[in-house]
Amino acid sequence: MSTDVLDIGSVPAAWTRRHLLDVESLSAEEINIILDSAVTFKEVTANCAQKIPILSGRTCANLFFEPSTRTRTSFSLAARRLGSDTIDFSSSGSSLSKGETFIDTAKNIEAMGIDVVIVRHRTPGTAHLLAQKLNCSVINAGDGPHEHPTQGLLDMFTLRERWGSFAGKRVVIVGDLAHSRVARSNIHGLVTMGAEVVVCGPPTLIPLDIERLGVSVEVDLKQALEGADAVNVLRIQMERQQRGLFPSIDEYARRWGINRQALKNAHKECIIMHPGPMNRGIEIAQDVADGENSVILDQVTNGVAVRMAVLYLLSGGSALENEETTPQQTETRVREGKQVA
């Protein structure tokens, strides 16, 4: 892949969004802006380990109404790597328990001088609602089974690091398609970028209308993995089995679990992905999860880079709109860690 850094000076012309609410509405150009920007941040921060305080003076608020480890920590690290202050909101013990509405809680937090709200909620459309009610930027960190845009983007970033281009690549997404926001964001992004996407899993966990998203459906894992360039393995939620959506955990592991035998139909260099947390020995075998083709830990590292890019574009990109800055000048500012907003 080319090591050319993002022409950040083009952001005013190409990036006009105040919020990141989904992947479905992003164009290929906008996706490339995010991914290219993430390349820059990963390079200049030594794999996201060092700070460049270009968003010093900004404040990001994590509003998580569902449990999260990777996403919440990743956003916090991304903001701090850029020099932004962060606050973490916990719904337990908050004014919500005293009858305050979700919107009033968010507005009160915004009134404390928040520039970006990162929200996770079990209800689809929550981030879109906040974007209508708040003046600050809103990032969707997962809204029920709808979307998880930064996870989809970091998955694409990880694949593009290996491939350079999505053209001609076959990506198989295996698991609970019916309830997975990760799957939806991946599907929207990969299809937009020109990849072939195949979904596979128990028939009861595949939406009847999913083909309208531009994917093909296979119930048989062997057929799905034929010629696969990458496999994204979704976590099986144990409560689905209790509701009778598939017969048993053992049968799921036998028919749809990703192991070395199943991967014999895939390309030798087939990339193995998982958004986490993993159920080892159920949806993915231990030796596959830890194998030479696994990029699962790369996904975690790349999540910080992608979220840095998103925070920069939403917080800093708009500040460049009134500046006549050459690409070279703006790139130098980022690399030197100077304030841009």
C-alpha atoms as a PDB file:
ATOM      1  CA  MET A   1       0.000   0.000   0.000  1.00  0.00           C
ATOM      2  CA  SER A   2       1.150   3.499  -0.729  1.00  0.00           C
ATOM      3  CA  THR A   3       2.673   5.263   2.249  1.00  0.00           C
ATOM      4  CA  ASP A   4       1.566   8.690   1.011  1.00  0.00           C
ATOM      5  CA  VAL A   5      -0.116  10.548   3.842  1.00  0.00           C
ATOM      6  CA  LEU A   6      -3.541  12.131   3.636  1.00  0.00           C
ATOM      7  CA  ASP A   7      -3.888  15.437   1.860  1.00  0.00           C
ATOM      8  CA  ILE A   8      -5.495  16.927   4.965  1.00  0.00           C
ATOM      9  CA  GLY A   9      -5.640  20.286   3.273  1.00  0.00           C
ATOM     10  CA  SER A  10      -8.449  18.893   1.088  1.00  0.00           C
ATOM     11  CA  VAL A  11     -10.725  18.336   4.089  1.00  0.00           C
ATOM     12  CA  PRO A  12     -12.629  21.619   3.676  1.00  0.00           C
ATOM     13  CA  ALA A  13     -13.657  20.657   0.163  1.00  0.00           C
ATOM     14  CA  ALA A  14     -14.362  16.975   0.683  1.00  0.00           C
ATOM     15  CA  TRP A  15     -15.355  16.567   4.322  1.00  0.00           C
ATOM     16  CA  THR A  16     -18.464  18.504   5.334  1.00  0.00           C
ATOM     17  CA  ARG A  17     -19.966  16.324   8.076  1.00  0.00           C
ATOM     18  CA  ARG A  18     -20.373  17.442  11.673  1.00  0.00           C
ATOM     19  CA  HIS A  19     -21.348  13.977  12.869  1.00  0.00           C
ATOM     20  CA  LEU A  20     -20.495  10.331  12.241  1.00  0.00           C
ATOM     21  CA  LEU A  21     -23.782   8.479  12.631  1.00  0.00           C
ATOM     22  CA  ASP A  22     -23.423   5.537  10.262  1.00  0.00           C
ATOM     23  CA  VAL A  23     -21.403   4.070   7.408  1.00  0.00           C
ATOM     24  CA  GLU A  24     -24.383   3.605   5.122  1.00  0.00           C
ATOM     25  CA  SER A  25     -24.524   7.291   4.183  1.00  0.00           C
ATOM     26  CA  LEU A  26     -20.753   7.674   3.642  1.00  0.00           C
ATOM     27  CA  SER A  27     -19.452   7.909   0.094  1.00  0.00           C
ATOM     28  CA  ALA A  28     -16.338   6.066  -1.058  1.00  0.00           C
ATOM     29  CA  GLU A  29     -14.523   9.411  -1.027  1.00  0.00           C
ATOM     30  CA  GLU A  30     -15.499  10.079   2.585  1.00  0.00           C
ATOM     31  CA  ILE A  31     -14.463   6.585   3.657  1.00  0.00           C
ATOM     32  CA  ASN A  32     -11.091   7.097   2.007  1.00  0.00           C
ATOM     33  CA  ILE A  33     -10.654  10.439   3.795  1.00  0.00           C
ATOM     34  CA  ILE A  34     -11.136   8.709   7.144  1.00  0.00           C
ATOM     35  CA  LEU A  35      -8.889   5.758   6.298  1.00  0.00           C
ATOM     36  CA  ASP A  36      -6.154   7.930   4.796  1.00  0.00           C
ATOM     37  CA  SER A  37      -6.252  10.222   7.809  1.00  0.00           C
ATOM     38  CA  ALA A  38      -5.947   7.198  10.104  1.00  0.00           C
ATOM     39  CA  VAL A  39      -2.782   6.195   8.226  1.00  0.00           C
ATOM     40  CA  THR A  40      -1.258   9.562   9.089  1.00  0.00           C
ATOM     41  CA  PHE A  41      -2.177   9.368  12.758  1.00  0.00           C
ATOM     42  CA  LYS A  42      -0.919   5.816  13.085  1.00  0.00           C
ATOM     43  CA  GLU A  43       2.411   6.812  11.539  1.00  0.00           C
ATOM     44  CA  VAL A  44       3.029  10.016  13.473  1.00  0.00           C
ATOM     45  CA  THR A  45       2.034   8.525  16.827  1.00  0.00           C
ATOM     46  CA  ALA A  46       4.143   5.352  16.498  1.00  0.00           C
ATOM     47  CA  ASN A  47       1.189   2.970  16.296  1.00  0.00           C
ATOM     48  CA  CYS A  48      -0.976   5.293  18.392  1.00  0.00           C
ATOM     49  CA  ALA A  49       1.382   5.211  21.386  1.00  0.00           C
ATOM     50  CA  GLN A  50       2.442   8.876  21.368  1.00  0.00           C
ATOM     51  CA  LYS A  51       0.538  12.147  21.695  1.00  0.00           C
ATOM     52  CA  ILE A  52       0.105  14.946  19.186  1.00  0.00           C
ATOM     53  CA  PRO A  53      -1.918  17.651  20.986  1.00  0.00           C
ATOM     54  CA  ILE A  54      -3.639  19.120  17.931  1.00  0.00           C
ATOM     55  CA  LEU A  55      -7.041  19.135  19.662  1.00  0.00           C
ATOM     56  CA  SER A  56      -5.860  20.672  22.920  1.00  0.00           C
ATOM     57  CA  GLY A  57      -8.689  22.647  24.500  1.00  0.00           C
ATOM     58  CA  ARG A  58     -11.406  20.378  23.097  1.00  0.00           C
ATOM     59  CA  THR A  59     -13.499  18.067  25.289  1.00  0.00           C
ATOM     60  CA  CYS A  60     -15.055  14.724  24.370  1.00  0.00           C
ATOM     61  CA  ALA A  61     -17.773  13.017  26.399  1.00  0.00           C
ATOM     62  CA  ASN A  62     -18.355   9.261  26.386  1.00  0.00           C
ATOM     63  CA  LEU A  63     -22.059   8.592  26.917  1.00  0.00           C
ATOM     64  CA  PHE A  64     -22.269   4.816  27.130  1.00  0.00           C
ATOM     65  CA  PHE A  65     -25.601   3.327  28.148  1.00  0.00           C
ATOM     66  CA  GLU A  66     -24.419  -0.221  27.429  1.00  0.00           C
ATOM     67  CA  PRO A  67     -21.342  -2.086  28.686  1.00  0.00           C
ATOM     68  CA  SER A  68     -18.186  -1.593  26.624  1.00  0.00           C
ATOM     69  CA  THR A  69     -14.481  -2.212  27.083  1.00  0.00           C
ATOM     70  CA  ARG A  70     -12.724  -1.902  23.719  1.00  0.00           C
ATOM     71  CA  THR A  71     -14.790   0.861  22.145  1.00  0.00           C
ATOM     72  CA  ARG A  72     -15.011   3.105  25.198  1.00  0.00           C
ATOM     73  CA  THR A  73     -11.318   2.736  26.039  1.00  0.00           C
ATOM     74  CA  SER A  74     -10.326   3.195  22.398  1.00  0.00           C
ATOM     75  CA  PHE A  75     -12.266   6.465  22.073  1.00  0.00           C
ATOM     76  CA  SER A  76     -10.815   7.752  25.352  1.00  0.00           C
ATOM     77  CA  LEU A  77      -7.274   6.932  24.237  1.00  0.00           C
ATOM     78  CA  ALA A  78      -7.854   8.453  20.803  1.00  0.00           C
ATOM     79  CA  ALA A  79      -9.069  11.713  22.331  1.00  0.00           C
ATOM     80  CA  ARG A  80      -6.162  11.870  24.782  1.00  0.00           C
ATOM     81  CA  ARG A  81      -3.611  11.100  22.082  1.00  0.00           C
ATOM     82  CA  LEU A  82      -4.923  14.215  20.301  1.00  0.00           C
ATOM     83  CA  GLY A  83      -4.686  16.295  23.480  1.00  0.00           C
ATOM     84  CA  SER A  84      -8.431  16.484  24.106  1.00  0.00           C
ATOM     85  CA  ASP A  85      -9.960  16.320  27.571  1.00  0.00           C
ATOM     86  CA  THR A  86     -12.401  13.453  28.160  1.00  0.00           C
ATOM     87  CA  ILE A  87     -15.259  12.766  30.524  1.00  0.00           C
ATOM     88  CA  ASP A  88     -16.990   9.426  31.028  1.00  0.00           C
ATOM     89  CA  PHE A  89     -20.696   9.282  31.789  1.00  0.00           C
ATOM     90  CA  SER A  90     -22.231   6.305  33.569  1.00  0.00           C
ATOM     91  CA  SER A  91     -25.991   5.869  33.471  1.00  0.00           C
ATOM     92  CA  SER A  92     -26.013   3.981  36.777  1.00  0.00           C
ATOM     93  CA  GLY A  93     -26.525   6.434  39.614  1.00  0.00           C
ATOM     94  CA  SER A  94     -27.090   9.329  37.198  1.00  0.00           C
ATOM     95  CA  SER A  95     -30.038  11.713  37.044  1.00  0.00           C
ATOM     96  CA  LEU A  96     -31.688   9.283  34.637  1.00  0.00           C
ATOM     97  CA  SER A  97     -32.529   7.167  37.669  1.00  0.00           C
ATOM     98  CA  LYS A  98     -34.286  10.215  39.134  1.00  0.00           C
ATOM     99  CA  GLY A  99     -36.572  10.650  36.131  1.00  0.00           C
ATOM    100  CA  GLU A 100     -34.514  12.966  33.931  1.00  0.00           C
ATOM    101  CA  THR A 101     -34.946  12.304  30.219  1.00  0.00           C
ATOM    102  CA  PHE A 102     -32.120  11.020  28.030  1.00  0.00           C
ATOM    103  CA  ILE A 103     -32.145  14.237  25.972  1.00  0.00           C
ATOM    104  CA  ASP A 104     -32.050  16.490  29.052  1.00  0.00           C
ATOM    105  CA  THR A 105     -29.100  14.512  30.408  1.00  0.00           C
ATOM    106  CA  ALA A 106     -27.243  14.935  27.113  1.00  0.00           C
ATOM    107  CA  LYS A 107     -28.045  18.658  26.936  1.00  0.00           C
ATOM    108  CA  ASN A 108     -26.807  19.220  30.479  1.00  0.00           C
ATOM    109  CA  ILE A 109     -23.547  17.471  29.700  1.00  0.00           C
ATOM    110  CA  GLU A 110     -23.164  19.523  26.504  1.00  0.00           C
ATOM    111  CA  ALA A 111     -23.723  22.710  28.504  1.00  0.00           C
ATOM    112  CA  MET A 112     -20.519  21.967  30.418  1.00  0.00           C
ATOM    113  CA  GLY A 113     -18.535  22.828  27.290  1.00  0.00           C
ATOM    114  CA  ILE A 114     -18.472  19.575  25.356  1.00  0.00           C
ATOM    115  CA  ASP A 115     -17.318  19.572  21.732  1.00  0.00           C
ATOM    116  CA  VAL A 116     -17.966  15.924  20.836  1.00  0.00           C
ATOM    117  CA  VAL A 117     -20.410  13.404  22.279  1.00  0.00           C
ATOM    118  CA  ILE A 118     -19.693   9.708  21.697  1.00  0.00           C
ATOM    119  CA  VAL A 119     -22.832   7.708  22.397  1.00  0.00           C
ATOM    120  CA  ARG A 120     -23.707   4.035  22.710  1.00  0.00           C
ATOM    121  CA  HIS A 121     -27.300   3.030  23.362  1.00  0.00           C
ATOM    122  CA  ARG A 122     -29.458  -0.058  22.938  1.00  0.00           C
ATOM    123  CA  THR A 123     -32.061   1.859  20.898  1.00  0.00           C
ATOM    124  CA  PRO A 124     -31.500   2.214  17.119  1.00  0.00           C
ATOM    125  CA  GLY A 125     -31.454   5.841  16.004  1.00  0.00           C
ATOM    126  CA  THR A 126     -30.251   7.267  19.333  1.00  0.00           C
ATOM    127  CA  ALA A 127     -27.206   8.948  17.800  1.00  0.00           C
ATOM    128  CA  HIS A 128     -29.328  10.457  15.018  1.00  0.00           C
ATOM    129  CA  LEU A 129     -31.723  11.878  17.622  1.00  0.00           C
ATOM    130  CA  LEU A 130     -28.868  13.434  19.595  1.00  0.00           C
ATOM    131  CA  ALA A 131     -27.453  14.980  16.426  1.00  0.00           C
ATOM    132  CA  GLN A 132     -30.787  16.789  15.983  1.00  0.00           C
ATOM    133  CA  LYS A 133     -30.963  17.972  19.597  1.00  0.00           C
ATOM    134  CA  LEU A 134     -27.360  18.955  20.367  1.00  0.00           C
ATOM    135  CA  ASN A 135     -25.103  21.646  18.925  1.00  0.00           C
ATOM    136  CA  CYS A 136     -21.898  19.638  19.358  1.00  0.00           C
ATOM    137  CA  SER A 137     -20.670  16.819  17.112  1.00  0.00           C
ATOM    138  CA  VAL A 138     -22.086  13.340  17.712  1.00  0.00           C
ATOM    139  CA  ILE A 139     -20.375  10.005  17.048  1.00  0.00           C
ATOM    140  CA  ASN A 140     -22.361   6.791  17.043  1.00  0.00           C
ATOM    141  CA  ALA A 141     -20.510   4.138  19.078  1.00  0.00           C
ATOM    142  CA  GLY A 142     -23.282   1.600  18.511  1.00  0.00           C
ATOM    143  CA  ASP A 143     -27.060   1.996  18.470  1.00  0.00           C
ATOM    144  CA  GLY A 144     -28.699  -1.332  19.175  1.00  0.00           C
ATOM    145  CA  PRO A 145     -28.539  -3.689  16.192  1.00  0.00           C
ATOM    146  CA  HIS A 146     -28.377  -0.785  13.713  1.00  0.00           C
ATOM    147  CA  GLU A 147     -24.742   0.291  13.177  1.00  0.00           C
ATOM    148  CA  HIS A 148     -21.302   0.610  14.772  1.00  0.00           C
ATOM    149  CA  PRO A 149     -19.566   2.886  12.253  1.00  0.00           C
ATOM    150  CA  THR A 150     -16.074   3.150  13.734  1.00  0.00           C
ATOM    151  CA  GLN A 151     -15.869  -0.648  14.071  1.00  0.00           C
ATOM    152  CA  GLY A 152     -16.749  -1.036  10.411  1.00  0.00           C
ATOM    153  CA  LEU A 153     -14.195   1.613   9.475  1.00  0.00           C
ATOM    154  CA  LEU A 154     -11.399   0.090  11.558  1.00  0.00           C
ATOM    155  CA  ASP A 155     -12.132  -3.310  10.021  1.00  0.00           C
ATOM    156  CA  MET A 156     -11.819  -1.773   6.552  1.00  0.00           C
ATOM    157  CA  PHE A 157      -8.659   0.048   7.588  1.00  0.00           C
ATOM    158  CA  THR A 158      -7.134  -3.248   8.731  1.00  0.00           C
ATOM    159  CA  LEU A 159      -8.001  -4.942   5.448  1.00  0.00           C
ATOM    160  CA  ARG A 160      -6.704  -2.039   3.369  1.00  0.00           C
ATOM    161  CA  GLU A 161      -3.385  -2.167   5.221  1.00  0.00           C
ATOM    162  CA  ARG A 162      -2.949  -5.705   3.883  1.00  0.00           C
ATOM    163  CA  TRP A 163      -4.496  -5.325   0.435  1.00  0.00           C
ATOM    164  CA  GLY A 164      -4.197  -1.702  -0.626  1.00  0.00           C
ATOM    165  CA  SER A 165      -7.505  -1.997  -2.494  1.00  0.00           C
ATOM    166  CA  PHE A 166     -10.819  -3.771  -2.014  1.00  0.00           C
ATOM    167  CA  ALA A 167     -11.356  -4.476  -5.701  1.00  0.00           C
ATOM    168  CA  GLY A 168     -11.745  -8.175  -6.448  1.00  0.00           C
ATOM    169  CA  LYS A 169     -11.650  -9.179  -2.775  1.00  0.00           C
ATOM    170  CA  ARG A 170     -14.150 -11.617  -1.258  1.00  0.00           C
ATOM    171  CA  VAL A 171     -15.056 -10.944   2.373  1.00  0.00           C
ATOM    172  CA  VAL A 172     -17.169 -13.434   4.300  1.00  0.00           C
ATOM    173  CA  ILE A 173     -19.062 -12.345   7.426  1.00  0.00           C
ATOM    174  CA  VAL A 174     -20.104 -15.310   9.572  1.00  0.00           C
ATOM    175  CA  GLY A 175     -22.468 -15.418  12.529  1.00  0.00           C
ATOM    176  CA  ASP A 176     -25.487 -13.606  13.905  1.00  0.00           C
ATOM    177  CA  LEU A 177     -26.296 -11.249  11.050  1.00  0.00           C
ATOM    178  CA  ALA A 178     -29.764 -10.481  12.379  1.00  0.00           C
ATOM    179  CA  HIS A 179     -28.587  -8.692  15.525  1.00  0.00           C
ATOM    180  CA  SER A 180     -25.106  -7.450  14.569  1.00  0.00           C
ATOM    181  CA  ARG A 181     -24.464  -3.723  14.198  1.00  0.00           C
ATOM    182  CA  VAL A 182     -20.853  -4.583  13.319  1.00  0.00           C
ATOM    183  CA  ALA A 183     -22.027  -6.643  10.347  1.00  0.00           C
ATOM    184  CA  ARG A 184     -24.216  -3.838   9.025  1.00  0.00           C
ATOM    185  CA  SER A 185     -21.462  -1.233   9.167  1.00  0.00           C
ATOM    186  CA  ASN A 186     -19.018  -3.639   7.512  1.00  0.00           C
ATOM    187  CA  ILE A 187     -21.487  -4.535   4.775  1.00  0.00           C
ATOM    188  CA  HIS A 188     -22.278  -0.914   3.936  1.00  0.00           C
ATOM    189  CA  GLY A 189     -18.610   0.082   3.831  1.00  0.00           C
ATOM    190  CA  LEU A 190     -17.248  -2.940   1.979  1.00  0.00           C
ATOM    191  CA  VAL A 191     -19.954  -2.836  -0.686  1.00  0.00           C
ATOM    192  CA  THR A 192     -19.362   0.895  -1.173  1.00  0.00           C
ATOM    193  CA  MET A 193     -15.628   0.244  -1.595  1.00  0.00           C
ATOM    194  CA  GLY A 194     -16.179  -2.464  -4.210  1.00  0.00           C
ATOM    195  CA  ALA A 195     -15.596  -5.699  -2.290  1.00  0.00           C
ATOM    196  CA  GLU A 196     -17.678  -8.829  -2.771  1.00  0.00           C
ATOM    197  CA  VAL A 197     -19.461  -9.575   0.509  1.00  0.00           C
ATOM    198  CA  VAL A 198     -20.889 -12.967   1.468  1.00  0.00           C
ATOM    199  CA  VAL A 199     -22.845 -13.533   4.672  1.00  0.00           C
ATOM    200  CA  CYS A 200     -23.218 -16.922   6.315  1.00  0.00           C
ATOM    201  CA  GLY A 201     -24.842 -18.338   9.423  1.00  0.00           C
ATOM    202  CA  PRO A 202     -27.905 -20.187  10.684  1.00  0.00           C
ATOM    203  CA  PRO A 203     -30.970 -19.304   8.570  1.00  0.00           C
ATOM    204  CA  THR A 204     -32.714 -18.027  11.700  1.00  0.00           C
ATOM    205  CA  LEU A 205     -29.934 -15.471  12.210  1.00  0.00           C
ATOM    206  CA  ILE A 206     -29.912 -14.067   8.661  1.00  0.00           C
ATOM    207  CA  PRO A 207     -32.446 -11.305   7.841  1.00  0.00           C
ATOM    208  CA  LEU A 208     -34.725 -12.239   4.951  1.00  0.00           C
ATOM    209  CA  ASP A 209     -34.052  -8.977   3.094  1.00  0.00           C
ATOM    210  CA  ILE A 210     -30.301  -8.743   3.670  1.00  0.00           C
ATOM    211  CA  GLU A 211     -29.524  -9.274  -0.026  1.00  0.00           C
ATOM    212  CA  ARG A 212     -30.873  -5.809  -0.748  1.00  0.00           C
ATOM    213  CA  LEU A 213     -27.705  -4.497   0.912  1.00  0.00           C
ATOM    214  CA  GLY A 214     -25.657  -5.909  -1.959  1.00  0.00           C
ATOM    215  CA  VAL A 215     -24.489  -9.159  -0.362  1.00  0.00           C
ATOM    216  CA  SER A 216     -24.928 -12.803  -1.258  1.00  0.00           C
ATOM    217  CA  VAL A 217     -26.188 -15.348   1.268  1.00  0.00           C
ATOM    218  CA  GLU A 218     -24.801 -18.816   1.980  1.00  0.00           C
ATOM    219  CA  VAL A 219     -26.044 -21.123   4.730  1.00  0.00           C
ATOM    220  CA  ASP A 220     -23.322 -23.681   4.039  1.00  0.00           C
ATOM    221  CA  LEU A 221     -20.007 -22.476   5.490  1.00  0.00           C
ATOM    222  CA  LYS A 222     -17.921 -24.508   3.052  1.00  0.00           C
ATOM    223  CA  GLN A 223     -19.553 -22.781   0.077  1.00  0.00           C
ATOM    224  CA  ALA A 224     -19.293 -19.376   1.705  1.00  0.00           C
ATOM    225  CA  LEU A 225     -15.544 -19.715   2.315  1.00  0.00           C
ATOM    226  CA  GLU A 226     -14.763 -20.821  -1.233  1.00  0.00           C
ATOM    227  CA  GLY A 227     -12.060 -18.406  -2.406  1.00  0.00           C
ATOM    228  CA  ALA A 228     -12.447 -16.111   0.604  1.00  0.00           C
ATOM    229  CA  ASP A 229      -9.817 -13.385   1.059  1.00  0.00           C
ATOM    230  CA  ALA A 230     -10.996 -12.450   4.555  1.00  0.00           C
ATOM    231  CA  VAL A 231     -13.387 -13.786   7.177  1.00  0.00           C
ATOM    232  CA  ASN A 232     -14.974 -11.534   9.772  1.00  0.00           C
ATOM    233  CA  VAL A 233     -16.253 -13.730  12.595  1.00  0.00           C
ATOM    234  CA  LEU A 234     -19.133 -12.348  14.644  1.00  0.00           C
ATOM    235  CA  ARG A 235     -19.594 -13.126  18.312  1.00  0.00           C
ATOM    236  CA  ILE A 236     -22.397 -15.542  19.073  1.00  0.00           C
ATOM    237  CA  GLN A 237     -24.653 -14.129  21.769  1.00  0.00           C
ATOM    238  CA  MET A 238     -25.570 -17.012  24.028  1.00  0.00           C
ATOM    239  CA  GLU A 239     -29.053 -15.674  24.716  1.00  0.00           C
ATOM    240  CA  ARG A 240     -29.965 -16.348  21.078  1.00  0.00           C
ATOM    241  CA  GLN A 241     -29.610 -20.073  21.689  1.00  0.00           C
ATOM    242  CA  GLN A 242     -31.822 -19.807  24.754  1.00  0.00           C
ATOM    243  CA  ARG A 243     -34.482 -18.232  22.565  1.00  0.00           C
ATOM    244  CA  GLY A 244     -34.262 -21.131  20.144  1.00  0.00           C
ATOM    245  CA  LEU A 245     -32.680 -19.257  17.229  1.00  0.00           C
ATOM    246  CA  PHE A 246     -30.239 -22.143  16.710  1.00  0.00           C
ATOM    247  CA  PRO A 247     -30.376 -25.653  18.179  1.00  0.00           C
ATOM    248  CA  SER A 248     -27.276 -25.747  20.375  1.00  0.00           C
ATOM    249  CA  ILE A 249     -23.858 -24.216  20.963  1.00  0.00           C
ATOM    250  CA  ASP A 250     -22.216 -27.481  19.912  1.00  0.00           C
ATOM    251  CA  GLU A 251     -24.089 -27.570  16.624  1.00  0.00           C
ATOM    252  CA  TYR A 252     -23.231 -23.946  15.920  1.00  0.00           C
ATOM    253  CA  ALA A 253     -19.538 -24.637  16.523  1.00  0.00           C
ATOM    254  CA  ARG A 254     -19.677 -27.691  14.275  1.00  0.00           C
ATOM    255  CA  ARG A 255     -21.549 -26.077  11.363  1.00  0.00           C
ATOM    256  CA  TRP A 256     -20.465 -22.438  11.445  1.00  0.00           C
ATOM    257  CA  GLY A 257     -17.395 -22.293  13.665  1.00  0.00           C
ATOM    258  CA  ILE A 258     -14.244 -21.011  11.971  1.00  0.00           C
ATOM    259  CA  ASN A 259     -11.491 -23.625  12.330  1.00  0.00           C
ATOM    260  CA  ARG A 260      -8.605 -24.808  10.177  1.00  0.00           C
ATOM    261  CA  GLN A 261     -10.734 -27.479   8.520  1.00  0.00           C
ATOM    262  CA  ALA A 262     -13.350 -24.926   7.477  1.00  0.00           C
ATOM    263  CA  LEU A 263     -10.653 -22.588   6.137  1.00  0.00           C
ATOM    264  CA  LYS A 264      -9.328 -25.159   3.653  1.00  0.00           C
ATOM    265  CA  ASN A 265     -11.711 -23.708   1.066  1.00  0.00           C
ATOM    266  CA  ALA A 266     -10.456 -20.171   1.625  1.00  0.00           C
ATOM    267  CA  HIS A 267      -7.309 -18.634   0.164  1.00  0.00           C
ATOM    268  CA  LYS A 268      -4.130 -19.622   1.949  1.00  0.00           C
ATOM    269  CA  GLU A 269      -3.548 -16.040   3.077  1.00  0.00           C
ATOM    270  CA  CYS A 270      -7.172 -15.519   4.153  1.00  0.00           C
ATOM    271  CA  ILE A 271      -7.320 -12.802   6.814  1.00  0.00           C
ATOM    272  CA  ILE A 272      -9.074 -13.696  10.080  1.00  0.00           C
ATOM    273  CA  MET A 273     -10.957 -10.929  11.910  1.00  0.00           C
ATOM    274  CA  HIS A 274     -13.145 -10.707  15.000  1.00  0.00           C
ATOM    275  CA  PRO A 275     -14.604  -7.558  16.613  1.00  0.00           C
ATOM    276  CA  GLY A 276     -14.461  -9.118  20.096  1.00  0.00           C
ATOM    277  CA  PRO A 277     -15.123 -10.286  22.657  1.00  0.00           C
ATOM    278  CA  MET A 278     -14.454 -13.822  21.378  1.00  0.00           C
ATOM    279  CA  ASN A 279     -16.093 -17.061  22.410  1.00  0.00           C
ATOM    280  CA  ARG A 280     -13.085 -19.289  21.759  1.00  0.00           C
ATOM    281  CA  GLY A 281     -13.999 -22.779  20.670  1.00  0.00           C
ATOM    282  CA  ILE A 282     -17.484 -21.718  19.563  1.00  0.00           C
ATOM    283  CA  GLU A 283     -17.472 -19.199  16.710  1.00  0.00           C
ATOM    284  CA  ILE A 284     -13.681 -19.357  16.328  1.00  0.00           C
ATOM    285  CA  ALA A 285     -11.085 -21.999  17.157  1.00  0.00           C
ATOM    286  CA  GLN A 286      -8.241 -21.045  19.460  1.00  0.00           C
ATOM    287  CA  ASP A 287      -5.479 -21.822  16.946  1.00  0.00           C
ATOM    288  CA  VAL A 288      -7.241 -19.746  14.294  1.00  0.00           C
ATOM    289  CA  ALA A 289      -7.755 -16.766  16.600  1.00  0.00           C
ATOM    290  CA  ASP A 290      -4.056 -16.839  17.476  1.00  0.00           C
ATOM    291  CA  GLY A 291      -2.823 -17.994  14.063  1.00  0.00           C
ATOM    292  CA  GLU A 292      -0.532 -16.350  11.556  1.00  0.00           C
ATOM    293  CA  ASN A 293      -3.404 -14.924   9.498  1.00  0.00           C
ATOM    294  CA  SER A 294      -5.222 -13.380  12.458  1.00  0.00           C
ATOM    295  CA  VAL A 295      -5.355  -9.574  12.593  1.00  0.00           C
ATOM    296  CA  ILE A 296      -7.559  -9.398  15.682  1.00  0.00           C
ATOM    297  CA  LEU A 297      -5.043  -7.436  17.768  1.00  0.00           C
ATOM    298  CA  ASP A 298      -4.246  -5.249  14.752  1.00  0.00           C
ATOM    299  CA  GLN A 299      -7.919  -4.334  14.704  1.00  0.00           C
ATOM    300  CA  VAL A 300      -7.649  -3.087  18.282  1.00  0.00           C
ATOM    301  CA  THR A 301      -4.604  -0.931  17.510  1.00  0.00           C
ATOM    302  CA  ASN A 302      -6.180   0.375  14.318  1.00  0.00           C
ATOM    303  CA  GLY A 303      -9.324   1.277  16.224  1.00  0.00           C
ATOM    304  CA  VAL A 304      -7.416   4.001  18.040  1.00  0.00           C
ATOM    305  CA  ALA A 305      -6.020   5.387  14.760  1.00  0.00           C
ATOM    306  CA  VAL A 306      -9.425   5.414  13.060  1.00  0.00           C
ATOM    307  CA  ARG A 307     -11.072   7.076  16.044  1.00  0.00           C
ATOM    308  CA  MET A 308      -8.317   9.687  16.128  1.00  0.00           C
ATOM    309  CA  ALA A 309      -9.045  10.385  12.479  1.00  0.00           C
ATOM    310  CA  VAL A 310     -12.778  10.708  13.116  1.00  0.00           C
ATOM    311  CA  LEU A 311     -12.288  13.014  16.111  1.00  0.00           C
ATOM    312  CA  TYR A 312      -9.879  15.155  14.115  1.00  0.00           C
ATOM    313  CA  LEU A 313     -12.190  15.446  11.131  1.00  0.00           C
ATOM    314  CA  LEU A 314     -15.201  16.341  13.260  1.00  0.00           C
ATOM    315  CA  SER A 315     -13.354  18.614  15.704  1.00  0.00           C
ATOM    316  CA  GLY A 316     -10.545  19.984  13.603  1.00  0.00           C
ATOM    317  CA  GLY A 317     -11.655  19.634  10.033  1.00  0.00           C
ATOM    318  CA  SER A 318     -14.301  22.317  10.294  1.00  0.00           C
ATOM    319  CA  ALA A 319     -11.737  24.762  11.635  1.00  0.00           C
ATOM    320  CA  LEU A 320      -9.810  24.462   8.390  1.00  0.00           C
ATOM    321  CA  GLU A 321     -12.740  25.592   6.242  1.00  0.00           C
ATOM    322  CA  ASN A 322     -11.890  29.269   6.503  1.00  0.00           C
ATOM    323  CA  GLU A 323      -8.157  28.794   6.086  1.00  0.00           C
ATOM    324  CA  GLU A 324      -6.203  28.813   2.874  1.00  0.00           C
ATOM    325  CA  THR A 325      -3.818  26.025   3.766  1.00  0.00           C
ATOM    326  CA  THR A 326      -1.817  23.975   1.321  1.00  0.00           C
ATOM    327  CA  PRO A 327      -1.750  20.194   1.764  1.00  0.00           C
ATOM    328  CA  GLN A 328       1.947  20.367   2.595  1.00  0.00           C
ATOM    329  CA  GLN A 329       1.432  23.040   5.260  1.00  0.00           C
ATOM    330  CA  THR A 330      -1.397  21.191   6.966  1.00  0.00           C
ATOM    331  CA  GLU A 331       0.427  17.867   6.890  1.00  0.00           C
ATOM    332  CA  THR A 332       3.405  19.554   8.546  1.00  0.00           C
ATOM    333  CA  ARG A 333       1.133  20.929  11.267  1.00  0.00           C
ATOM    334  CA  VAL A 334      -0.217  17.479  12.048  1.00  0.00           C
ATOM    335  CA  ARG A 335       3.223  15.868  12.025  1.00  0.00           C
ATOM    336  CA  GLU A 336       4.589  18.570  14.326  1.00  0.00           C
ATOM    337  CA  GLY A 337       1.602  18.280  16.646  1.00  0.00           C
ATOM    338  CA  LYS A 338       0.606  21.931  16.323  1.00  0.00           C
ATOM    339  CA  GLN A 339      -2.840  23.316  17.115  1.00  0.00           C
ATOM    340  CA  VAL A 340      -5.130  23.445  14.077  1.00  0.00           C
ATOM    341  CA  ALA A 341      -8.269  24.755  15.660  1.00  0.00           C
END
